[in-house]
Amino acid sequence: MRSRSPVDSRSTSSASTRAARTLVGQFPALEMPDAIVRELQEGLAAALAA
């Protein structure tokens, strides 16, 4: 049987990475630490997987 997840973890990861980079790009004055970017990516990945 196939997984019911609409996207695999790789595409979710790259989508969240793109979204996080887009978000960072919206605020060029903000220097976002990697930890915050990682948290954003994980939050977005979780939201996409929900």
PDB file of N, CA and C in Angstrom:
ATOM      1  N   MET A   1       0.838  -1.206   0.000  1.00  0.00           N
ATOM      2  CA  MET A   1       0.000   0.000   0.000  1.00  0.00           C
ATOM      3  C   MET A   1       0.876   1.260   0.000  1.00  0.00           C
ATOM      4  N   ARG A   2       0.382   2.260  -0.662  1.00  0.00           N
ATOM      5  CA  ARG A   2       1.145   3.508  -0.719  1.00  0.00           C
ATOM      6  C   ARG A   2       0.821   4.375   0.479  1.00  0.00           C
ATOM      7  N   SER A   3       1.763   5.228   0.818  1.00  0.00           N
ATOM      8  CA  SER A   3       1.560   6.171   1.914  1.00  0.00           C
ATOM      9  C   SER A   3       0.455   7.141   1.528  1.00  0.00           C
ATOM     10  N   ARG A   4      -0.353   7.548   2.509  1.00  0.00           N
ATOM     11  CA  ARG A   4      -1.424   8.491   2.207  1.00  0.00           C
ATOM     12  C   ARG A   4      -0.941   9.936   2.227  1.00  0.00           C
ATOM     13  N   SER A   5       0.306  10.137   2.630  1.00  0.00           N
ATOM     14  CA  SER A   5       0.859  11.491   2.659  1.00  0.00           C
ATOM     15  C   SER A   5       0.916  12.051   1.238  1.00  0.00           C
ATOM     16  N   PRO A   6       0.401  13.269   1.019  1.00  0.00           N
ATOM     17  CA  PRO A   6       0.377  13.835  -0.334  1.00  0.00           C
ATOM     18  C   PRO A   6       1.763  14.213  -0.848  1.00  0.00           C
ATOM     19  N   VAL A   7       2.691  14.448   0.064  1.00  0.00           N
ATOM     20  CA  VAL A   7       4.051  14.796  -0.343  1.00  0.00           C
ATOM     21  C   VAL A   7       5.036  14.001   0.491  1.00  0.00           C
ATOM     22  N   ASP A   8       6.180  13.657  -0.115  1.00  0.00           N
ATOM     23  CA  ASP A   8       7.177  12.944   0.675  1.00  0.00           C
ATOM     24  C   ASP A   8       8.016  13.938   1.464  1.00  0.00           C
ATOM     25  N   SER A   9       8.822  13.434   2.366  1.00  0.00           N
ATOM     26  CA  SER A   9       9.558  14.319   3.271  1.00  0.00           C
ATOM     27  C   SER A   9      10.532  15.225   2.512  1.00  0.00           C
ATOM     28  N   ARG A  10      11.085  14.734   1.414  1.00  0.00           N
ATOM     29  CA  ARG A  10      12.032  15.572   0.665  1.00  0.00           C
ATOM     30  C   ARG A  10      11.331  16.781   0.068  1.00  0.00           C
ATOM     31  N   SER A  11      10.167  16.583  -0.550  1.00  0.00           N
ATOM     32  CA  SER A  11       9.492  17.728  -1.159  1.00  0.00           C
ATOM     33  C   SER A  11       8.966  18.670  -0.080  1.00  0.00           C
ATOM     34  N   THR A  12       8.524  18.133   1.053  1.00  0.00           N
ATOM     35  CA  THR A  12       8.075  18.988   2.148  1.00  0.00           C
ATOM     36  C   THR A  12       9.243  19.825   2.649  1.00  0.00           C
ATOM     37  N   SER A  13      10.392  19.184   2.795  1.00  0.00           N
ATOM     38  CA  SER A  13      11.576  19.886   3.286  1.00  0.00           C
ATOM     39  C   SER A  13      11.963  21.006   2.336  1.00  0.00           C
ATOM     40  N   SER A  14      11.985  20.717   1.030  1.00  0.00           N
ATOM     41  CA  SER A  14      12.402  21.742   0.094  1.00  0.00           C
ATOM     42  C   SER A  14      11.343  22.838   0.010  1.00  0.00           C
ATOM     43  N   ALA A  15      10.078  22.478   0.124  1.00  0.00           N
ATOM     44  CA  ALA A  15       9.021  23.494   0.115  1.00  0.00           C
ATOM     45  C   ALA A  15       9.140  24.402   1.332  1.00  0.00           C
ATOM     46  N   SER A  16       9.419  23.811   2.494  1.00  0.00           N
ATOM     47  CA  SER A  16       9.547  24.632   3.697  1.00  0.00           C
ATOM     48  C   SER A  16      10.802  25.490   3.626  1.00  0.00           C
ATOM     49  N   THR A  17      11.850  24.948   3.012  1.00  0.00           N
ATOM     50  CA  THR A  17      13.069  25.741   2.849  1.00  0.00           C
ATOM     51  C   THR A  17      12.797  26.936   1.950  1.00  0.00           C
ATOM     52  N   ARG A  18      12.097  26.688   0.839  1.00  0.00           N
ATOM     53  CA  ARG A  18      11.755  27.805  -0.066  1.00  0.00           C
ATOM     54  C   ARG A  18      10.881  28.818   0.646  1.00  0.00           C
ATOM     55  N   ALA A  19       9.901  28.336   1.400  1.00  0.00           N
ATOM     56  CA  ALA A  19       9.005  29.252   2.112  1.00  0.00           C
ATOM     57  C   ALA A  19       9.769  30.075   3.142  1.00  0.00           C
ATOM     58  N   ALA A  20      10.680  29.422   3.863  1.00  0.00           N
ATOM     59  CA  ALA A  20      11.474  30.146   4.865  1.00  0.00           C
ATOM     60  C   ALA A  20      12.365  31.179   4.189  1.00  0.00           C
ATOM     61  N   ARG A  21      12.971  30.807   3.056  1.00  0.00           N
ATOM     62  CA  ARG A  21      13.823  31.767   2.343  1.00  0.00           C
ATOM     63  C   ARG A  21      12.997  32.926   1.812  1.00  0.00           C
ATOM     64  N   THR A  22      11.788  32.625   1.330  1.00  0.00           N
ATOM     65  CA  THR A  22      10.903  33.684   0.846  1.00  0.00           C
ATOM     66  C   THR A  22      10.552  34.613   1.994  1.00  0.00           C
ATOM     67  N   LEU A  23      10.252  34.032   3.152  1.00  0.00           N
ATOM     68  CA  LEU A  23       9.920  34.819   4.338  1.00  0.00           C
ATOM     69  C   LEU A  23      11.091  35.712   4.729  1.00  0.00           C
ATOM     70  N   VAL A  24      12.299  35.141   4.737  1.00  0.00           N
ATOM     71  CA  VAL A  24      13.489  35.924   5.061  1.00  0.00           C
ATOM     72  C   VAL A  24      13.675  37.023   4.022  1.00  0.00           C
ATOM     73  N   GLY A  25      13.395  36.704   2.757  1.00  0.00           N
ATOM     74  CA  GLY A  25      13.542  37.675   1.684  1.00  0.00           C
ATOM     75  C   GLY A  25      12.585  38.861   1.824  1.00  0.00           C
ATOM     76  N   GLN A  26      11.449  38.633   2.496  1.00  0.00           N
ATOM     77  CA  GLN A  26      10.488  39.708   2.720  1.00  0.00           C
ATOM     78  C   GLN A  26      11.044  40.752   3.688  1.00  0.00           C
ATOM     79  N   PHE A  27      11.965  40.325   4.539  1.00  0.00           N
ATOM     80  CA  PHE A  27      12.506  41.205   5.573  1.00  0.00           C
ATOM     81  C   PHE A  27      14.031  41.242   5.468  1.00  0.00           C
ATOM     82  N   PRO A  28      14.561  41.902   4.443  1.00  0.00           N
ATOM     83  CA  PRO A  28      16.005  41.872   4.216  1.00  0.00           C
ATOM     84  C   PRO A  28      16.802  42.484   5.356  1.00  0.00           C
ATOM     85  N   ALA A  29      16.187  43.347   6.139  1.00  0.00           N
ATOM     86  CA  ALA A  29      16.902  43.987   7.249  1.00  0.00           C
ATOM     87  C   ALA A  29      17.120  43.011   8.405  1.00  0.00           C
ATOM     88  N   LEU A  30      16.331  41.940   8.444  1.00  0.00           N
ATOM     89  CA  LEU A  30      16.459  40.972   9.536  1.00  0.00           C
ATOM     90  C   LEU A  30      17.537  39.942   9.216  1.00  0.00           C
ATOM     91  N   GLU A  31      18.470  39.820  10.109  1.00  0.00           N
ATOM     92  CA  GLU A  31      19.451  38.737   9.994  1.00  0.00           C
ATOM     93  C   GLU A  31      18.933  37.612  10.879  1.00  0.00           C
ATOM     94  N   MET A  32      18.345  36.597  10.272  1.00  0.00           N
ATOM     95  CA  MET A  32      17.719  35.539  11.059  1.00  0.00           C
ATOM     96  C   MET A  32      18.731  34.440  11.372  1.00  0.00           C
ATOM     97  N   PRO A  33      18.895  34.142  12.657  1.00  0.00           N
ATOM     98  CA  PRO A  33      19.801  33.049  13.025  1.00  0.00           C
ATOM     99  C   PRO A  33      19.317  31.719  12.442  1.00  0.00           C
ATOM    100  N   ASP A  34      20.264  30.831  12.168  1.00  0.00           N
ATOM    101  CA  ASP A  34      19.918  29.535  11.600  1.00  0.00           C
ATOM    102  C   ASP A  34      18.900  28.785  12.442  1.00  0.00           C
ATOM    103  N   ALA A  35      18.999  28.918  13.767  1.00  0.00           N
ATOM    104  CA  ALA A  35      18.075  28.202  14.642  1.00  0.00           C
ATOM    105  C   ALA A  35      16.635  28.653  14.395  1.00  0.00           C
ATOM    106  N   ILE A  36      16.447  29.949  14.181  1.00  0.00           N
ATOM    107  CA  ILE A  36      15.091  30.461  13.933  1.00  0.00           C
ATOM    108  C   ILE A  36      14.596  29.986  12.572  1.00  0.00           C
ATOM    109  N   VAL A  37      15.468  30.049  11.574  1.00  0.00           N
ATOM    110  CA  VAL A  37      15.089  29.565  10.246  1.00  0.00           C
ATOM    111  C   VAL A  37      14.714  28.089  10.312  1.00  0.00           C
ATOM    112  N   ARG A  38      15.496  27.322  11.079  1.00  0.00           N
ATOM    113  CA  ARG A  38      15.220  25.887  11.209  1.00  0.00           C
ATOM    114  C   ARG A  38      13.866  25.671  11.877  1.00  0.00           C
ATOM    115  N   GLU A  39      13.568  26.462  12.905  1.00  0.00           N
ATOM    116  CA  GLU A  39      12.265  26.348  13.570  1.00  0.00           C
ATOM    117  C   GLU A  39      11.138  26.668  12.601  1.00  0.00           C
ATOM    118  N   LEU A  40      11.311  27.702  11.791  1.00  0.00           N
ATOM    119  CA  LEU A  40      10.307  28.046  10.780  1.00  0.00           C
ATOM    120  C   LEU A  40      10.105  26.888   9.811  1.00  0.00           C
ATOM    121  N   GLN A  41      11.207  26.309   9.351  1.00  0.00           N
ATOM    122  CA  GLN A  41      11.115  25.197   8.415  1.00  0.00           C
ATOM    123  C   GLN A  41      10.367  24.023   9.032  1.00  0.00           C
ATOM    124  N   GLU A  42      10.700  23.707  10.289  1.00  0.00           N
ATOM    125  CA  GLU A  42      10.046  22.574  10.950  1.00  0.00           C
ATOM    126  C   GLU A  42       8.560  22.865  11.150  1.00  0.00           C
ATOM    127  N   GLY A  43       8.233  24.101  11.530  1.00  0.00           N
ATOM    128  CA  GLY A  43       6.833  24.475  11.711  1.00  0.00           C
ATOM    129  C   GLY A  43       6.064  24.402  10.400  1.00  0.00           C
ATOM    130  N   LEU A  44       6.674  24.881   9.332  1.00  0.00           N
ATOM    131  CA  LEU A  44       6.022  24.835   8.024  1.00  0.00           C
ATOM    132  C   LEU A  44       5.858  23.394   7.557  1.00  0.00           C
ATOM    133  N   ALA A  45       6.882  22.580   7.772  1.00  0.00           N
ATOM    134  CA  ALA A  45       6.803  21.179   7.366  1.00  0.00           C
ATOM    135  C   ALA A  45       5.677  20.476   8.125  1.00  0.00           C
ATOM    136  N   ALA A  46       5.557  20.775   9.412  1.00  0.00           N
ATOM    137  CA  ALA A  46       4.496  20.171  10.220  1.00  0.00           C
ATOM    138  C   ALA A  46       3.125  20.642   9.730  1.00  0.00           C
ATOM    139  N   ALA A  47       3.022  21.921   9.390  1.00  0.00           N
ATOM    140  CA  ALA A  47       1.741  22.457   8.905  1.00  0.00           C
ATOM    141  C   ALA A  47       1.376  21.827   7.563  1.00  0.00           C
ATOM    142  N   LEU A  48       2.358  21.653   6.693  1.00  0.00           N
ATOM    143  CA  LEU A  48       2.097  21.050   5.390  1.00  0.00           C
ATOM    144  C   LEU A  48       1.725  19.579   5.525  1.00  0.00           C
ATOM    145  N   ALA A  49       2.293  18.913   6.505  1.00  0.00           N
ATOM    146  CA  ALA A  49       2.034  17.483   6.692  1.00  0.00           C
ATOM    147  C   ALA A  49       0.682  17.245   7.367  1.00  0.00           C
ATOM    148  N   ALA A  50       0.147  18.259   8.035  1.00  0.00           N
ATOM    149  CA  ALA A  50      -1.109  18.096   8.778  1.00  0.00           C
ATOM    150  C   ALA A  50      -2.283  17.831   7.839  1.00  0.00           C
TER     151      ALA A  50
END
